[in-house]
C-alpha atoms as a PDB file:
ATOM      1  CA  UNK A   1      -0.092  -0.050   0.022  1.00  0.00           C
ATOM      2  CA  UNK A   2       1.441   3.255  -1.106  1.00  0.00           C
ATOM      3  CA  UNK A   3       0.151   6.469   0.464  1.00  0.00           C
ATOM      4  CA  UNK A   4       0.373   9.831  -1.212  1.00  0.00           C
ATOM      5  CA  UNK A   5       2.545  12.397   0.686  1.00  0.00           C
ATOM      6  CA  UNK A   6       0.670  15.598   1.189  1.00  0.00           C
ATOM      7  CA  UNK A   7       2.352  18.776   2.396  1.00  0.00           C
ATOM      8  CA  UNK A   8       1.071  22.176   3.505  1.00  0.00           C
ATOM      9  CA  UNK A   9       2.620  23.743   0.173  1.00  0.00           C
ATOM     10  CA  UNK A  10       0.777  21.313  -2.092  1.00  0.00           C
ATOM     11  CA  UNK A  11      -2.768  22.204  -0.764  1.00  0.00           C
ATOM     12  CA  UNK A  12      -5.146  24.812  -2.276  1.00  0.00           C
ATOM     13  CA  UNK A  13      -4.412  28.097  -0.533  1.00  0.00           C
ATOM     14  CA  UNK A  14      -8.120  28.173   1.108  1.00  0.00           C
ATOM     15  CA  UNK A  15      -7.332  24.823   2.895  1.00  0.00           C
ATOM     16  CA  UNK A  16      -3.888  25.955   4.023  1.00  0.00           C
ATOM     17  CA  UNK A  17      -5.513  29.237   5.463  1.00  0.00           C
ATOM     18  CA  UNK A  18      -8.236  27.247   7.128  1.00  0.00           C
ATOM     19  CA  UNK A  19      -5.532  24.953   8.763  1.00  0.00           C
ATOM     20  CA  UNK A  20      -3.637  28.010   9.877  1.00  0.00           C
ATOM     21  CA  UNK A  21      -6.715  29.891  11.233  1.00  0.00           C
ATOM     22  CA  UNK A  22      -7.701  26.779  13.310  1.00  0.00           C
ATOM     23  CA  UNK A  23      -3.969  26.411  14.691  1.00  0.00           C
ATOM     24  CA  UNK A  24      -3.988  30.174  15.591  1.00  0.00           C
ATOM     25  CA  UNK A  25      -7.388  30.025  17.171  1.00  0.00           C
ATOM     26  CA  UNK A  26      -6.323  27.137  19.421  1.00  0.00           C
ATOM     27  CA  UNK A  27      -2.642  28.240  20.120  1.00  0.00           C
ATOM     28  CA  UNK A  28      -3.214  30.510  22.965  1.00  0.00           C
ATOM     29  CA  UNK A  29      -0.564  31.124  25.707  1.00  0.00           C
ATOM     30  CA  UNK A  30      -0.802  29.414  28.954  1.00  0.00           C
ATOM     31  CA  UNK A  31      -2.212  31.466  31.929  1.00  0.00           C
ATOM     32  CA  UNK A  32      -0.259  33.014  34.777  1.00  0.00           C
ATOM     33  CA  UNK A  33      -0.511  31.724  38.370  1.00  0.00           C
ATOM     34  CA  UNK A  34      -3.641  33.444  39.511  1.00  0.00           C
ATOM     35  CA  UNK A  35      -7.119  31.801  39.736  1.00  0.00           C
ATOM     36  CA  UNK A  36      -8.502  34.620  37.482  1.00  0.00           C
ATOM     37  CA  UNK A  37      -5.956  33.979  34.859  1.00  0.00           C
ATOM     38  CA  UNK A  38      -6.750  30.183  34.973  1.00  0.00           C
ATOM     39  CA  UNK A  39     -10.561  30.878  34.570  1.00  0.00           C
ATOM     40  CA  UNK A  40     -10.036  33.478  31.837  1.00  0.00           C
ATOM     41  CA  UNK A  41      -7.788  30.970  29.943  1.00  0.00           C
ATOM     42  CA  UNK A  42     -10.315  28.040  30.386  1.00  0.00           C
ATOM     43  CA  UNK A  43     -13.040  30.149  29.129  1.00  0.00           C
ATOM     44  CA  UNK A  44     -11.224  31.580  26.140  1.00  0.00           C
ATOM     45  CA  UNK A  45      -9.965  28.151  25.153  1.00  0.00           C
ATOM     46  CA  UNK A  46     -13.427  26.721  25.286  1.00  0.00           C
ATOM     47  CA  UNK A  47     -14.754  29.710  23.271  1.00  0.00           C
ATOM     48  CA  UNK A  48     -12.041  29.212  20.631  1.00  0.00           C
ATOM     49  CA  UNK A  49     -12.673  25.374  20.400  1.00  0.00           C
ATOM     50  CA  UNK A  50     -16.389  25.966  19.940  1.00  0.00           C
ATOM     51  CA  UNK A  51     -15.732  28.474  17.252  1.00  0.00           C
ATOM     52  CA  UNK A  52     -13.248  26.077  15.382  1.00  0.00           C
ATOM     53  CA  UNK A  53     -15.704  23.346  15.717  1.00  0.00           C
ATOM     54  CA  UNK A  54     -18.562  25.362  14.338  1.00  0.00           C
ATOM     55  CA  UNK A  55     -16.358  26.587  11.389  1.00  0.00           C
ATOM     56  CA  UNK A  56     -15.340  23.087  10.612  1.00  0.00           C
ATOM     57  CA  UNK A  57     -18.966  21.906  10.661  1.00  0.00           C
ATOM     58  CA  UNK A  58     -20.052  24.498   8.461  1.00  0.00           C
ATOM     59  CA  UNK A  59     -17.659  23.391   5.789  1.00  0.00           C
ATOM     60  CA  UNK A  60     -18.083  19.615   6.316  1.00  0.00           C
ATOM     61  CA  UNK A  61     -21.937  19.499   6.869  1.00  0.00           C
ATOM     62  CA  UNK A  62     -23.197  22.695   5.308  1.00  0.00           C
ATOM     63  CA  UNK A  63     -20.772  23.166   2.411  1.00  0.00           C
ATOM     64  CA  UNK A  64     -19.443  26.633   3.213  1.00  0.00           C
ATOM     65  CA  UNK A  65     -16.514  27.951   1.137  1.00  0.00           C
ATOM     66  CA  UNK A  66     -13.270  27.241   2.953  1.00  0.00           C
ATOM     67  CA  UNK A  67     -11.535  30.434   2.316  1.00  0.00           C
ATOM     68  CA  UNK A  68     -14.613  32.373   3.554  1.00  0.00           C
ATOM     69  CA  UNK A  69     -14.679  30.188   6.650  1.00  0.00           C
ATOM     70  CA  UNK A  70     -11.036  30.678   7.528  1.00  0.00           C
ATOM     71  CA  UNK A  71     -11.417  34.338   7.188  1.00  0.00           C
ATOM     72  CA  UNK A  72     -14.584  34.247   9.344  1.00  0.00           C
ATOM     73  CA  UNK A  73     -12.718  32.323  12.110  1.00  0.00           C
ATOM     74  CA  UNK A  74      -9.914  34.721  12.127  1.00  0.00           C
ATOM     75  CA  UNK A  75     -12.490  37.609  12.624  1.00  0.00           C
ATOM     76  CA  UNK A  76     -14.067  35.705  15.512  1.00  0.00           C
ATOM     77  CA  UNK A  77     -10.730  35.310  17.123  1.00  0.00           C
ATOM     78  CA  UNK A  78     -10.070  38.917  16.942  1.00  0.00           C
ATOM     79  CA  UNK A  79     -13.262  39.711  18.813  1.00  0.00           C
ATOM     80  CA  UNK A  80     -12.071  37.498  21.705  1.00  0.00           C
ATOM     81  CA  UNK A  81      -8.384  38.240  22.459  1.00  0.00           C
ATOM     82  CA  UNK A  82      -6.254  37.184  25.336  1.00  0.00           C
ATOM     83  CA  UNK A  83      -7.117  39.112  28.372  1.00  0.00           C
ATOM     84  CA  UNK A  84      -5.324  37.376  31.064  1.00  0.00           C
ATOM     85  CA  UNK A  85      -1.825  37.637  32.135  1.00  0.00           C
ATOM     86  CA  UNK A  86       0.224  34.745  30.187  1.00  0.00           C
ATOM     87  CA  UNK A  87       2.695  32.484  31.779  1.00  0.00           C
ATOM     88  CA  UNK A  88       6.265  33.666  31.901  1.00  0.00           C
ATOM     89  CA  UNK A  89       9.349  32.336  33.360  1.00  0.00           C
ATOM     90  CA  UNK A  90       8.561  34.607  36.355  1.00  0.00           C
ATOM     91  CA  UNK A  91       5.227  32.666  36.665  1.00  0.00           C
ATOM     92  CA  UNK A  92       2.981  35.138  35.027  1.00  0.00           C
ATOM     93  CA  UNK A  93       2.765  37.358  37.924  1.00  0.00           C
ATOM     94  CA  UNK A  94       2.026  41.043  37.500  1.00  0.00           C
END
């Protein structure tokens, strides 16, 4: 059995943009040490996961255009930025 090798640069640009958008939506910094930072991180990550899942469902189930969906996900992410103190070598303390 021979499988075809597929790399990012061989994908259509809208598909690559979608992969980047999903990655960027879920790639948020770890929280600092406070309970408030932990709660904000958990809430933001849950929101981003939901937005990514909805975006993928719209493509896979409803036939939405991939490039438009990637741009839409990026816009959703912009409306929900990181608001907590990210972890640093100093522990994320303010």
